[in-house]
Amino acid sequence: GSLVVNYPFDDDEQGIAIYSKSPDDAVFQKLALAYSKENAQMYLGSPCKDMYPTEYFPHGITNGAQWYNVPGGMQDWNYLHTNCFEVTIELGCVKYPKAEELPKYWAQNRRSLLQFMKQV
């Protein structure tokens, strides 16, 4: 897990981790930032220091392919084939949090979710 908003493209022609700009890159960045700005820890950009000490996401967002390459991912497929503007929101460093921790996740992401919906 991580704490970041990831946007298309998730892969590139070379198959390496490099920025892969979509035609709607500015829109995707705006959507991702709208979410991350409302989550203080996410916006700082380096939430998983114990697990990934060198991982840093400026303002809590990243282009998918720049982070790691995912050929044939659903996010890109939906964008290219259905015109669906999809982002992937990673909510925390722990992939499977305990049930008693879920209220904390809600508190951290409630404003982000509302702001994201306002972007429509």
PDB file of N, CA and C in Angstrom:
ATOM      1  N   GLY A   1       0.810  -1.195   0.000  1.00  0.00           N
ATOM      2  CA  GLY A   1       0.000   0.000   0.000  1.00  0.00           C
ATOM      3  C   GLY A   1       0.845   1.247   0.000  1.00  0.00           C
ATOM      4  N   SER A   2       0.197   2.347  -0.250  1.00  0.00           N
ATOM      5  CA  SER A   2       0.839   3.654  -0.198  1.00  0.00           C
ATOM      6  C   SER A   2      -0.253   4.691   0.066  1.00  0.00           C
ATOM      7  N   LEU A   3       0.120   5.931   0.026  1.00  0.00           N
ATOM      8  CA  LEU A   3      -0.835   7.011   0.250  1.00  0.00           C
ATOM      9  C   LEU A   3      -0.613   8.039  -0.850  1.00  0.00           C
ATOM     10  N   VAL A   4      -1.372   7.885  -1.934  1.00  0.00           N
ATOM     11  CA  VAL A   4      -1.136   8.693  -3.127  1.00  0.00           C
ATOM     12  C   VAL A   4      -2.337   8.578  -4.062  1.00  0.00           C
ATOM     13  N   VAL A   5      -2.508   9.570  -4.926  1.00  0.00           N
ATOM     14  CA  VAL A   5      -3.470   9.487  -6.022  1.00  0.00           C
ATOM     15  C   VAL A   5      -2.659   9.327  -7.308  1.00  0.00           C
ATOM     16  N   ASN A   6      -2.931   8.251  -8.011  1.00  0.00           N
ATOM     17  CA  ASN A   6      -2.201   7.864  -9.216  1.00  0.00           C
ATOM     18  C   ASN A   6      -3.128   8.093 -10.413  1.00  0.00           C
ATOM     19  N   TYR A   7      -2.598   8.699 -11.477  1.00  0.00           N
ATOM     20  CA  TYR A   7      -3.418   9.005 -12.651  1.00  0.00           C
ATOM     21  C   TYR A   7      -2.741   8.506 -13.935  1.00  0.00           C
ATOM     22  N   PRO A   8      -3.517   8.344 -15.033  1.00  0.00           N
ATOM     23  CA  PRO A   8      -2.985   7.817 -16.296  1.00  0.00           C
ATOM     24  C   PRO A   8      -1.906   8.736 -16.913  1.00  0.00           C
ATOM     25  N   PHE A   9      -1.115   8.083 -17.685  1.00  0.00           N
ATOM     26  CA  PHE A   9      -1.068   6.699 -18.089  1.00  0.00           C
ATOM     27  C   PHE A   9      -0.266   5.871 -17.083  1.00  0.00           C
ATOM     28  N   ASP A  10      -0.619   4.577 -17.009  1.00  0.00           N
ATOM     29  CA  ASP A  10       0.084   3.650 -16.126  1.00  0.00           C
ATOM     30  C   ASP A  10       1.221   2.909 -16.829  1.00  0.00           C
ATOM     31  N   ASP A  11       1.292   3.034 -18.122  1.00  0.00           N
ATOM     32  CA  ASP A  11       2.424   2.416 -18.820  1.00  0.00           C
ATOM     33  C   ASP A  11       2.879   3.326 -19.955  1.00  0.00           C
ATOM     34  N   ASP A  12       3.989   2.964 -20.568  1.00  0.00           N
ATOM     35  CA  ASP A  12       4.532   3.749 -21.660  1.00  0.00           C
ATOM     36  C   ASP A  12       5.082   2.797 -22.718  1.00  0.00           C
ATOM     37  N   GLU A  13       5.415   3.332 -23.865  1.00  0.00           N
ATOM     38  CA  GLU A  13       5.863   2.500 -24.982  1.00  0.00           C
ATOM     39  C   GLU A  13       7.156   1.754 -24.686  1.00  0.00           C
ATOM     40  N   GLN A  14       7.992   2.289 -23.824  1.00  0.00           N
ATOM     41  CA  GLN A  14       9.294   1.683 -23.539  1.00  0.00           C
ATOM     42  C   GLN A  14       9.217   0.615 -22.454  1.00  0.00           C
ATOM     43  N   GLY A  15       8.114   0.576 -21.703  1.00  0.00           N
ATOM     44  CA  GLY A  15       7.952  -0.410 -20.649  1.00  0.00           C
ATOM     45  C   GLY A  15       8.812  -0.149 -19.421  1.00  0.00           C
ATOM     46  N   ILE A  16       9.154   1.115 -19.206  1.00  0.00           N
ATOM     47  CA  ILE A  16       9.961   1.471 -18.037  1.00  0.00           C
ATOM     48  C   ILE A  16       9.232   2.513 -17.198  1.00  0.00           C
ATOM     49  N   ALA A  17       9.707   2.741 -15.999  1.00  0.00           N
ATOM     50  CA  ALA A  17       9.088   3.732 -15.115  1.00  0.00           C
ATOM     51  C   ALA A  17       9.523   5.129 -15.552  1.00  0.00           C
ATOM     52  N   ILE A  18       8.673   5.770 -16.353  1.00  0.00           N
ATOM     53  CA  ILE A  18       8.932   7.113 -16.859  1.00  0.00           C
ATOM     54  C   ILE A  18       7.584   7.811 -17.026  1.00  0.00           C
ATOM     55  N   TYR A  19       7.553   9.132 -16.871  1.00  0.00           N
ATOM     56  CA  TYR A  19       6.298   9.879 -16.995  1.00  0.00           C
ATOM     57  C   TYR A  19       5.666   9.591 -18.353  1.00  0.00           C
ATOM     58  N   SER A  20       4.405   9.212 -18.333  1.00  0.00           N
ATOM     59  CA  SER A  20       3.670   8.894 -19.548  1.00  0.00           C
ATOM     60  C   SER A  20       2.429   9.775 -19.602  1.00  0.00           C
ATOM     61  N   LYS A  21       2.550  10.876 -20.285  1.00  0.00           N
ATOM     62  CA  LYS A  21       1.520  11.915 -20.322  1.00  0.00           C
ATOM     63  C   LYS A  21       0.346  11.522 -21.214  1.00  0.00           C
ATOM     64  N   SER A  22      -0.856  11.627 -20.654  1.00  0.00           N
ATOM     65  CA  SER A  22      -2.063  11.390 -21.448  1.00  0.00           C
ATOM     66  C   SER A  22      -2.496  12.709 -22.091  1.00  0.00           C
ATOM     67  N   PRO A  23      -3.366  12.659 -23.084  1.00  0.00           N
ATOM     68  CA  PRO A  23      -3.867  13.904 -23.683  1.00  0.00           C
ATOM     69  C   PRO A  23      -4.583  14.810 -22.673  1.00  0.00           C
ATOM     70  N   ASP A  24      -5.129  14.231 -21.614  1.00  0.00           N
ATOM     71  CA  ASP A  24      -5.851  14.991 -20.599  1.00  0.00           C
ATOM     72  C   ASP A  24      -5.053  15.096 -19.296  1.00  0.00           C
ATOM     73  N   ASP A  25      -3.747  15.143 -19.403  1.00  0.00           N
ATOM     74  CA  ASP A  25      -2.864  15.140 -18.243  1.00  0.00           C
ATOM     75  C   ASP A  25      -3.210  16.254 -17.246  1.00  0.00           C
ATOM     76  N   ALA A  26      -3.463  17.446 -17.731  1.00  0.00           N
ATOM     77  CA  ALA A  26      -3.767  18.572 -16.835  1.00  0.00           C
ATOM     78  C   ALA A  26      -5.048  18.319 -16.041  1.00  0.00           C
ATOM     79  N   VAL A  27      -6.048  17.722 -16.675  1.00  0.00           N
ATOM     80  CA  VAL A  27      -7.299  17.406 -15.982  1.00  0.00           C
ATOM     81  C   VAL A  27      -7.048  16.352 -14.912  1.00  0.00           C
ATOM     82  N   PHE A  28      -6.294  15.317 -15.260  1.00  0.00           N
ATOM     83  CA  PHE A  28      -5.988  14.272 -14.286  1.00  0.00           C
ATOM     84  C   PHE A  28      -5.208  14.828 -13.095  1.00  0.00           C
ATOM     85  N   GLN A  29      -4.256  15.706 -13.359  1.00  0.00           N
ATOM     86  CA  GLN A  29      -3.509  16.320 -12.259  1.00  0.00           C
ATOM     87  C   GLN A  29      -4.433  17.137 -11.356  1.00  0.00           C
ATOM     88  N   LYS A  30      -5.363  17.863 -11.969  1.00  0.00           N
ATOM     89  CA  LYS A  30      -6.303  18.671 -11.182  1.00  0.00           C
ATOM     90  C   LYS A  30      -7.187  17.780 -10.300  1.00  0.00           C
ATOM     91  N   LEU A  31      -7.693  16.686 -10.859  1.00  0.00           N
ATOM     92  CA  LEU A  31      -8.519  15.756 -10.080  1.00  0.00           C
ATOM     93  C   LEU A  31      -7.727  15.145  -8.925  1.00  0.00           C
ATOM     94  N   ALA A  32      -6.516  14.703  -9.224  1.00  0.00           N
ATOM     95  CA  ALA A  32      -5.674  14.086  -8.200  1.00  0.00           C
ATOM     96  C   ALA A  32      -5.346  15.077  -7.092  1.00  0.00           C
ATOM     97  N   LEU A  33      -5.001  16.297  -7.465  1.00  0.00           N
ATOM     98  CA  LEU A  33      -4.679  17.328  -6.469  1.00  0.00           C
ATOM     99  C   LEU A  33      -5.889  17.719  -5.628  1.00  0.00           C
ATOM    100  N   ALA A  34      -7.061  17.758  -6.253  1.00  0.00           N
ATOM    101  CA  ALA A  34      -8.281  18.086  -5.500  1.00  0.00           C
ATOM    102  C   ALA A  34      -8.465  17.104  -4.357  1.00  0.00           C
ATOM    103  N   TYR A  35      -8.165  15.839  -4.608  1.00  0.00           N
ATOM    104  CA  TYR A  35      -8.281  14.822  -3.564  1.00  0.00           C
ATOM    105  C   TYR A  35      -7.162  14.973  -2.535  1.00  0.00           C
ATOM    106  N   SER A  36      -5.930  15.023  -2.984  1.00  0.00           N
ATOM    107  CA  SER A  36      -4.797  14.981  -2.053  1.00  0.00           C
ATOM    108  C   SER A  36      -4.691  16.217  -1.163  1.00  0.00           C
ATOM    109  N   LYS A  37      -5.096  17.363  -1.652  1.00  0.00           N
ATOM    110  CA  LYS A  37      -5.000  18.599  -0.850  1.00  0.00           C
ATOM    111  C   LYS A  37      -5.826  18.522   0.429  1.00  0.00           C
ATOM    112  N   GLU A  38      -6.889  17.728   0.401  1.00  0.00           N
ATOM    113  CA  GLU A  38      -7.762  17.616   1.576  1.00  0.00           C
ATOM    114  C   GLU A  38      -7.321  16.521   2.545  1.00  0.00           C
ATOM    115  N   ASN A  39      -6.270  15.790   2.202  1.00  0.00           N
ATOM    116  CA  ASN A  39      -5.725  14.753   3.074  1.00  0.00           C
ATOM    117  C   ASN A  39      -4.307  15.201   3.433  1.00  0.00           C
ATOM    118  N   ALA A  40      -4.146  15.781   4.613  1.00  0.00           N
ATOM    119  CA  ALA A  40      -2.887  16.419   4.998  1.00  0.00           C
ATOM    120  C   ALA A  40      -1.688  15.483   4.888  1.00  0.00           C
ATOM    121  N   GLN A  41      -1.828  14.257   5.344  1.00  0.00           N
ATOM    122  CA  GLN A  41      -0.704  13.323   5.290  1.00  0.00           C
ATOM    123  C   GLN A  41      -0.355  12.959   3.852  1.00  0.00           C
ATOM    124  N   MET A  42      -1.370  12.748   3.019  1.00  0.00           N
ATOM    125  CA  MET A  42      -1.141  12.417   1.621  1.00  0.00           C
ATOM    126  C   MET A  42      -0.428  13.564   0.910  1.00  0.00           C
ATOM    127  N   TYR A  43      -0.878  14.782   1.144  1.00  0.00           N
ATOM    128  CA  TYR A  43      -0.343  15.953   0.453  1.00  0.00           C
ATOM    129  C   TYR A  43       1.144  16.180   0.752  1.00  0.00           C
ATOM    130  N   LEU A  44       1.601  15.719   1.922  1.00  0.00           N
ATOM    131  CA  LEU A  44       3.021  15.861   2.268  1.00  0.00           C
ATOM    132  C   LEU A  44       3.926  15.053   1.336  1.00  0.00           C
ATOM    133  N   GLY A  45       3.426  13.950   0.802  1.00  0.00           N
ATOM    134  CA  GLY A  45       4.136  13.234  -0.236  1.00  0.00           C
ATOM    135  C   GLY A  45       5.037  12.088   0.147  1.00  0.00           C
ATOM    136  N   SER A  46       5.322  11.884   1.427  1.00  0.00           N
ATOM    137  CA  SER A  46       6.196  10.761   1.806  1.00  0.00           C
ATOM    138  C   SER A  46       5.655  10.046   3.034  1.00  0.00           C
ATOM    139  N   PRO A  47       4.525   9.376   2.890  1.00  0.00           N
ATOM    140  CA  PRO A  47       3.835   8.811   4.042  1.00  0.00           C
ATOM    141  C   PRO A  47       4.369   7.485   4.579  1.00  0.00           C
ATOM    142  N   CYS A  48       5.056   6.707   3.780  1.00  0.00           N
ATOM    143  CA  CYS A  48       5.458   5.350   4.183  1.00  0.00           C
ATOM    144  C   CYS A  48       6.963   5.263   4.415  1.00  0.00           C
ATOM    145  N   LYS A  49       7.484   6.149   5.225  1.00  0.00           N
ATOM    146  CA  LYS A  49       8.935   6.241   5.426  1.00  0.00           C
ATOM    147  C   LYS A  49       9.543   4.957   5.960  1.00  0.00           C
ATOM    148  N   ASP A  50       8.824   4.238   6.819  1.00  0.00           N
ATOM    149  CA  ASP A  50       9.362   2.985   7.359  1.00  0.00           C
ATOM    150  C   ASP A  50       9.442   1.892   6.301  1.00  0.00           C
ATOM    151  N   MET A  51       8.484   1.874   5.401  1.00  0.00           N
ATOM    152  CA  MET A  51       8.422   0.820   4.384  1.00  0.00           C
ATOM    153  C   MET A  51       9.198   1.188   3.113  1.00  0.00           C
ATOM    154  N   TYR A  52       9.037   2.441   2.668  1.00  0.00           N
ATOM    155  CA  TYR A  52       9.642   2.900   1.420  1.00  0.00           C
ATOM    156  C   TYR A  52      10.334   4.241   1.680  1.00  0.00           C
ATOM    157  N   PRO A  53      11.514   4.230   2.284  1.00  0.00           N
ATOM    158  CA  PRO A  53      12.154   5.478   2.718  1.00  0.00           C
ATOM    159  C   PRO A  53      12.486   6.457   1.603  1.00  0.00           C
ATOM    160  N   THR A  54      12.635   5.987   0.367  1.00  0.00           N
ATOM    161  CA  THR A  54      12.991   6.897  -0.727  1.00  0.00           C
ATOM    162  C   THR A  54      11.786   7.302  -1.579  1.00  0.00           C
ATOM    163  N   GLU A  55      10.618   6.765  -1.262  1.00  0.00           N
ATOM    164  CA  GLU A  55       9.425   7.065  -2.059  1.00  0.00           C
ATOM    165  C   GLU A  55       8.883   8.437  -1.682  1.00  0.00           C
ATOM    166  N   TYR A  56       8.720   9.290  -2.684  1.00  0.00           N
ATOM    167  CA  TYR A  56       8.187  10.635  -2.464  1.00  0.00           C
ATOM    168  C   TYR A  56       7.277  11.004  -3.633  1.00  0.00           C
ATOM    169  N   PHE A  57       6.092  11.497  -3.307  1.00  0.00           N
ATOM    170  CA  PHE A  57       5.127  11.919  -4.320  1.00  0.00           C
ATOM    171  C   PHE A  57       4.844  13.405  -4.109  1.00  0.00           C
ATOM    172  N   PRO A  58       5.368  14.282  -4.957  1.00  0.00           N
ATOM    173  CA  PRO A  58       5.094  15.712  -4.779  1.00  0.00           C
ATOM    174  C   PRO A  58       3.588  15.984  -4.694  1.00  0.00           C
ATOM    175  N   HIS A  59       3.174  16.603  -3.614  1.00  0.00           N
ATOM    176  CA  HIS A  59       1.768  16.948  -3.361  1.00  0.00           C
ATOM    177  C   HIS A  59       0.846  15.741  -3.311  1.00  0.00           C
ATOM    178  N   GLY A  60       1.406  14.551  -3.087  1.00  0.00           N
ATOM    179  CA  GLY A  60       0.589  13.364  -2.901  1.00  0.00           C
ATOM    180  C   GLY A  60      -0.024  12.786  -4.157  1.00  0.00           C
ATOM    181  N   ILE A  61       0.534  13.138  -5.319  1.00  0.00           N
ATOM    182  CA  ILE A  61       0.014  12.607  -6.578  1.00  0.00           C
ATOM    183  C   ILE A  61       1.171  12.068  -7.419  1.00  0.00           C
ATOM    184  N   THR A  62       0.840  11.180  -8.351  1.00  0.00           N
ATOM    185  CA  THR A  62       1.861  10.679  -9.273  1.00  0.00           C
ATOM    186  C   THR A  62       1.233  10.180 -10.562  1.00  0.00           C
ATOM    187  N   ASN A  63       1.971  10.331 -11.633  1.00  0.00           N
ATOM    188  CA  ASN A  63       1.641   9.681 -12.884  1.00  0.00           C
ATOM    189  C   ASN A  63       1.950   8.203 -12.692  1.00  0.00           C
ATOM    190  N   GLY A  64       1.018   7.339 -13.047  1.00  0.00           N
ATOM    191  CA  GLY A  64       1.170   5.914 -12.797  1.00  0.00           C
ATOM    192  C   GLY A  64       2.450   5.320 -13.339  1.00  0.00           C
ATOM    193  N   ALA A  65       2.757   5.591 -14.607  1.00  0.00           N
ATOM    194  CA  ALA A  65       3.947   5.002 -15.219  1.00  0.00           C
ATOM    195  C   ALA A  65       5.232   5.536 -14.608  1.00  0.00           C
ATOM    196  N   GLN A  66       5.206   6.761 -14.115  1.00  0.00           N
ATOM    197  CA  GLN A  66       6.404   7.302 -13.469  1.00  0.00           C
ATOM    198  C   GLN A  66       6.692   6.565 -12.158  1.00  0.00           C
ATOM    199  N   TRP A  67       5.623   6.129 -11.492  1.00  0.00           N
ATOM    200  CA  TRP A  67       5.779   5.389 -10.237  1.00  0.00           C
ATOM    201  C   TRP A  67       6.260   3.980 -10.534  1.00  0.00           C
ATOM    202  N   TYR A  68       5.459   3.211 -11.278  1.00  0.00           N
ATOM    203  CA  TYR A  68       5.874   1.901 -11.777  1.00  0.00           C
ATOM    204  C   TYR A  68       4.987   1.544 -12.963  1.00  0.00           C
ATOM    205  N   ASN A  69       5.543   0.829 -13.913  1.00  0.00           N
ATOM    206  CA  ASN A  69       4.877   0.525 -15.166  1.00  0.00           C
ATOM    207  C   ASN A  69       3.873  -0.619 -15.002  1.00  0.00           C
ATOM    208  N   VAL A  70       2.625  -0.398 -15.476  1.00  0.00           N
ATOM    209  CA  VAL A  70       1.578  -1.419 -15.427  1.00  0.00           C
ATOM    210  C   VAL A  70       0.958  -1.542 -16.824  1.00  0.00           C
ATOM    211  N   PRO A  71       1.485  -2.405 -17.658  1.00  0.00           N
ATOM    212  CA  PRO A  71       0.894  -2.582 -18.992  1.00  0.00           C
ATOM    213  C   PRO A  71      -0.488  -3.215 -18.908  1.00  0.00           C
ATOM    214  N   GLY A  72      -1.433  -2.652 -19.646  1.00  0.00           N
ATOM    215  CA  GLY A  72      -2.777  -3.228 -19.716  1.00  0.00           C
ATOM    216  C   GLY A  72      -3.632  -3.023 -18.483  1.00  0.00           C
ATOM    217  N   GLY A  73      -3.350  -2.001 -17.698  1.00  0.00           N
ATOM    218  CA  GLY A  73      -4.119  -1.744 -16.480  1.00  0.00           C
ATOM    219  C   GLY A  73      -5.519  -1.227 -16.768  1.00  0.00           C
ATOM    220  N   MET A  74      -6.424  -1.460 -15.830  1.00  0.00           N
ATOM    221  CA  MET A  74      -7.828  -1.066 -15.979  1.00  0.00           C
ATOM    222  C   MET A  74      -7.989   0.453 -16.082  1.00  0.00           C
ATOM    223  N   GLN A  75      -7.190   1.194 -15.334  1.00  0.00           N
ATOM    224  CA  GLN A  75      -7.278   2.660 -15.355  1.00  0.00           C
ATOM    225  C   GLN A  75      -7.047   3.197 -16.772  1.00  0.00           C
ATOM    226  N   ASP A  76      -6.023   2.732 -17.440  1.00  0.00           N
ATOM    227  CA  ASP A  76      -5.740   3.172 -18.805  1.00  0.00           C
ATOM    228  C   ASP A  76      -6.774   2.632 -19.796  1.00  0.00           C
ATOM    229  N   TRP A  77      -7.169   1.381 -19.622  1.00  0.00           N
ATOM    230  CA  TRP A  77      -8.149   0.791 -20.529  1.00  0.00           C
ATOM    231  C   TRP A  77      -9.457   1.583 -20.486  1.00  0.00           C
ATOM    232  N   ASN A  78      -9.932   1.888 -19.286  1.00  0.00           N
ATOM    233  CA  ASN A  78     -11.170   2.656 -19.158  1.00  0.00           C
ATOM    234  C   ASN A  78     -11.042   4.028 -19.816  1.00  0.00           C
ATOM    235  N   TYR A  79      -9.920   4.672 -19.639  1.00  0.00           N
ATOM    236  CA  TYR A  79      -9.696   5.990 -20.238  1.00  0.00           C
ATOM    237  C   TYR A  79      -9.702   5.906 -21.768  1.00  0.00           C
ATOM    238  N   LEU A  80      -8.979   4.952 -22.307  1.00  0.00           N
ATOM    239  CA  LEU A  80      -8.831   4.856 -23.761  1.00  0.00           C
ATOM    240  C   LEU A  80     -10.058   4.298 -24.471  1.00  0.00           C
ATOM    241  N   HIS A  81     -10.780   3.373 -23.822  1.00  0.00           N
ATOM    242  CA  HIS A  81     -11.858   2.666 -24.508  1.00  0.00           C
ATOM    243  C   HIS A  81     -13.269   3.089 -24.099  1.00  0.00           C
ATOM    244  N   THR A  82     -13.405   3.759 -22.974  1.00  0.00           N
ATOM    245  CA  THR A  82     -14.751   4.170 -22.551  1.00  0.00           C
ATOM    246  C   THR A  82     -14.838   5.657 -22.204  1.00  0.00           C
ATOM    247  N   ASN A  83     -13.717   6.370 -22.359  1.00  0.00           N
ATOM    248  CA  ASN A  83     -13.664   7.801 -22.039  1.00  0.00           C
ATOM    249  C   ASN A  83     -13.952   8.068 -20.557  1.00  0.00           C
ATOM    250  N   CYS A  84     -13.657   7.112 -19.716  1.00  0.00           N
ATOM    251  CA  CYS A  84     -13.839   7.244 -18.269  1.00  0.00           C
ATOM    252  C   CYS A  84     -12.550   7.781 -17.665  1.00  0.00           C
ATOM    253  N   PHE A  85     -12.639   8.901 -16.980  1.00  0.00           N
ATOM    254  CA  PHE A  85     -11.474   9.504 -16.339  1.00  0.00           C
ATOM    255  C   PHE A  85     -11.328   8.894 -14.952  1.00  0.00           C
ATOM    256  N   GLU A  86     -10.455   7.917 -14.862  1.00  0.00           N
ATOM    257  CA  GLU A  86     -10.293   7.148 -13.635  1.00  0.00           C
ATOM    258  C   GLU A  86      -8.932   7.431 -13.010  1.00  0.00           C
ATOM    259  N   VAL A  87      -8.923   7.574 -11.693  1.00  0.00           N
ATOM    260  CA  VAL A  87      -7.679   7.656 -10.939  1.00  0.00           C
ATOM    261  C   VAL A  87      -7.685   6.523  -9.916  1.00  0.00           C
ATOM    262  N   THR A  88      -6.513   6.168  -9.433  1.00  0.00           N
ATOM    263  CA  THR A  88      -6.391   5.148  -8.402  1.00  0.00           C
ATOM    264  C   THR A  88      -5.961   5.839  -7.118  1.00  0.00           C
ATOM    265  N   ILE A  89      -6.748   5.673  -6.084  1.00  0.00           N
ATOM    266  CA  ILE A  89      -6.450   6.308  -4.802  1.00  0.00           C
ATOM    267  C   ILE A  89      -5.980   5.237  -3.832  1.00  0.00           C
ATOM    268  N   GLU A  90      -4.716   5.341  -3.447  1.00  0.00           N
ATOM    269  CA  GLU A  90      -4.140   4.443  -2.449  1.00  0.00           C
ATOM    270  C   GLU A  90      -4.330   5.134  -1.099  1.00  0.00           C
ATOM    271  N   LEU A  91      -5.000   4.463  -0.169  1.00  0.00           N
ATOM    272  CA  LEU A  91      -5.418   5.106   1.077  1.00  0.00           C
ATOM    273  C   LEU A  91      -4.476   4.945   2.260  1.00  0.00           C
ATOM    274  N   GLY A  92      -3.447   4.140   2.135  1.00  0.00           N
ATOM    275  CA  GLY A  92      -2.551   4.008   3.269  1.00  0.00           C
ATOM    276  C   GLY A  92      -1.436   3.015   3.046  1.00  0.00           C
ATOM    277  N   CYS A  93      -0.476   3.075   3.931  1.00  0.00           N
ATOM    278  CA  CYS A  93       0.713   2.226   3.847  1.00  0.00           C
ATOM    279  C   CYS A  93       0.406   0.771   4.160  1.00  0.00           C
ATOM    280  N   VAL A  94      -0.659   0.533   4.899  1.00  0.00           N
ATOM    281  CA  VAL A  94      -1.067  -0.825   5.255  1.00  0.00           C
ATOM    282  C   VAL A  94      -2.132  -1.269   4.259  1.00  0.00           C
ATOM    283  N   LYS A  95      -1.852  -2.328   3.542  1.00  0.00           N
ATOM    284  CA  LYS A  95      -2.757  -2.796   2.496  1.00  0.00           C
ATOM    285  C   LYS A  95      -4.104  -3.276   3.050  1.00  0.00           C
ATOM    286  N   TYR A  96      -4.075  -3.959   4.193  1.00  0.00           N
ATOM    287  CA  TYR A  96      -5.294  -4.494   4.789  1.00  0.00           C
ATOM    288  C   TYR A  96      -5.394  -4.028   6.246  1.00  0.00           C
ATOM    289  N   PRO A  97      -5.940  -2.833   6.475  1.00  0.00           N
ATOM    290  CA  PRO A  97      -6.041  -2.335   7.856  1.00  0.00           C
ATOM    291  C   PRO A  97      -7.072  -3.129   8.660  1.00  0.00           C
ATOM    292  N   LYS A  98      -6.898  -3.094   9.954  1.00  0.00           N
ATOM    293  CA  LYS A  98      -7.851  -3.753  10.856  1.00  0.00           C
ATOM    294  C   LYS A  98      -9.161  -2.965  10.874  1.00  0.00           C
ATOM    295  N   ALA A  99     -10.244  -3.657  11.133  1.00  0.00           N
ATOM    296  CA  ALA A  99     -11.576  -3.037  11.123  1.00  0.00           C
ATOM    297  C   ALA A  99     -11.665  -1.848  12.064  1.00  0.00           C
ATOM    298  N   GLU A 100     -11.032  -1.945  13.226  1.00  0.00           N
ATOM    299  CA  GLU A 100     -11.109  -0.836  14.192  1.00  0.00           C
ATOM    300  C   GLU A 100     -10.363   0.414  13.724  1.00  0.00           C
ATOM    301  N   GLU A 101      -9.544   0.279  12.680  1.00  0.00           N
ATOM    302  CA  GLU A 101      -8.830   1.438  12.133  1.00  0.00           C
ATOM    303  C   GLU A 101      -9.628   2.161  11.045  1.00  0.00           C
ATOM    304  N   LEU A 102     -10.706   1.570  10.572  1.00  0.00           N
ATOM    305  CA  LEU A 102     -11.468   2.154   9.465  1.00  0.00           C
ATOM    306  C   LEU A 102     -12.041   3.540   9.781  1.00  0.00           C
ATOM    307  N   PRO A 103     -12.519   3.811  10.994  1.00  0.00           N
ATOM    308  CA  PRO A 103     -12.983   5.178  11.268  1.00  0.00           C
ATOM    309  C   PRO A 103     -11.888   6.236  11.072  1.00  0.00           C
ATOM    310  N   LYS A 104     -10.644   5.881  11.367  1.00  0.00           N
ATOM    311  CA  LYS A 104      -9.519   6.804  11.148  1.00  0.00           C
ATOM    312  C   LYS A 104      -9.364   7.085   9.649  1.00  0.00           C
ATOM    313  N   TYR A 105      -9.495   6.051   8.835  1.00  0.00           N
ATOM    314  CA  TYR A 105      -9.390   6.235   7.387  1.00  0.00           C
ATOM    315  C   TYR A 105     -10.527   7.125   6.869  1.00  0.00           C
ATOM    316  N   TRP A 106     -11.709   6.932   7.404  1.00  0.00           N
ATOM    317  CA  TRP A 106     -12.848   7.770   7.022  1.00  0.00           C
ATOM    318  C   TRP A 106     -12.567   9.226   7.377  1.00  0.00           C
ATOM    319  N   ALA A 107     -12.077   9.463   8.579  1.00  0.00           N
ATOM    320  CA  ALA A 107     -11.780  10.834   9.011  1.00  0.00           C
ATOM    321  C   ALA A 107     -10.713  11.474   8.118  1.00  0.00           C
ATOM    322  N   GLN A 108      -9.722  10.714   7.723  1.00  0.00           N
ATOM    323  CA  GLN A 108      -8.646  11.248   6.888  1.00  0.00           C
ATOM    324  C   GLN A 108      -9.092  11.522   5.452  1.00  0.00           C
ATOM    325  N   ASN A 109     -10.118  10.845   4.985  1.00  0.00           N
ATOM    326  CA  ASN A 109     -10.490  10.922   3.574  1.00  0.00           C
ATOM    327  C   ASN A 109     -11.858  11.524   3.289  1.00  0.00           C
ATOM    328  N   ARG A 110     -12.626  11.816   4.300  1.00  0.00           N
ATOM    329  CA  ARG A 110     -13.982  12.345   4.100  1.00  0.00           C
ATOM    330  C   ARG A 110     -13.971  13.635   3.266  1.00  0.00           C
ATOM    331  N   ARG A 111     -13.173  14.598   3.688  1.00  0.00           N
ATOM    332  CA  ARG A 111     -13.113  15.881   2.962  1.00  0.00           C
ATOM    333  C   ARG A 111     -12.560  15.686   1.549  1.00  0.00           C
ATOM    334  N   SER A 112     -11.609  14.771   1.411  1.00  0.00           N
ATOM    335  CA  SER A 112     -11.039  14.477   0.095  1.00  0.00           C
ATOM    336  C   SER A 112     -12.110  13.929  -0.846  1.00  0.00           C
ATOM    337  N   LEU A 113     -12.906  13.003  -0.343  1.00  0.00           N
ATOM    338  CA  LEU A 113     -13.955  12.410  -1.162  1.00  0.00           C
ATOM    339  C   LEU A 113     -14.991  13.458  -1.583  1.00  0.00           C
ATOM    340  N   LEU A 114     -15.363  14.317  -0.675  1.00  0.00           N
ATOM    341  CA  LEU A 114     -16.319  15.380  -1.000  1.00  0.00           C
ATOM    342  C   LEU A 114     -15.742  16.338  -2.043  1.00  0.00           C
ATOM    343  N   GLN A 115     -14.506  16.713  -1.871  1.00  0.00           N
ATOM    344  CA  GLN A 115     -13.856  17.614  -2.829  1.00  0.00           C
ATOM    345  C   GLN A 115     -13.721  16.950  -4.204  1.00  0.00           C
ATOM    346  N   PHE A 116     -13.414  15.673  -4.206  1.00  0.00           N
ATOM    347  CA  PHE A 116     -13.301  14.924  -5.465  1.00  0.00           C
ATOM    348  C   PHE A 116     -14.640  14.931  -6.194  1.00  0.00           C
ATOM    349  N   MET A 117     -15.730  14.692  -5.467  1.00  0.00           N
ATOM    350  CA  MET A 117     -17.073  14.692  -6.088  1.00  0.00           C
ATOM    351  C   MET A 117     -17.427  16.066  -6.630  1.00  0.00           C
ATOM    352  N   LYS A 118     -16.976  17.116  -5.981  1.00  0.00           N
ATOM    353  CA  LYS A 118     -17.261  18.481  -6.450  1.00  0.00           C
ATOM    354  C   LYS A 118     -16.630  18.769  -7.807  1.00  0.00           C
ATOM    355  N   GLN A 119     -15.613  18.026  -8.159  1.00  0.00           N
ATOM    356  CA  GLN A 119     -14.935  18.259  -9.428  1.00  0.00           C
ATOM    357  C   GLN A 119     -15.802  17.922 -10.643  1.00  0.00           C
ATOM    358  N   VAL A 120     -16.842  17.118 -10.434  1.00  0.00           N
ATOM    359  CA  VAL A 120     -17.727  16.753 -11.533  1.00  0.00           C
ATOM    360  C   VAL A 120     -18.379  18.001 -12.104  1.00  0.00           C
TER     361      VAL A 120
END
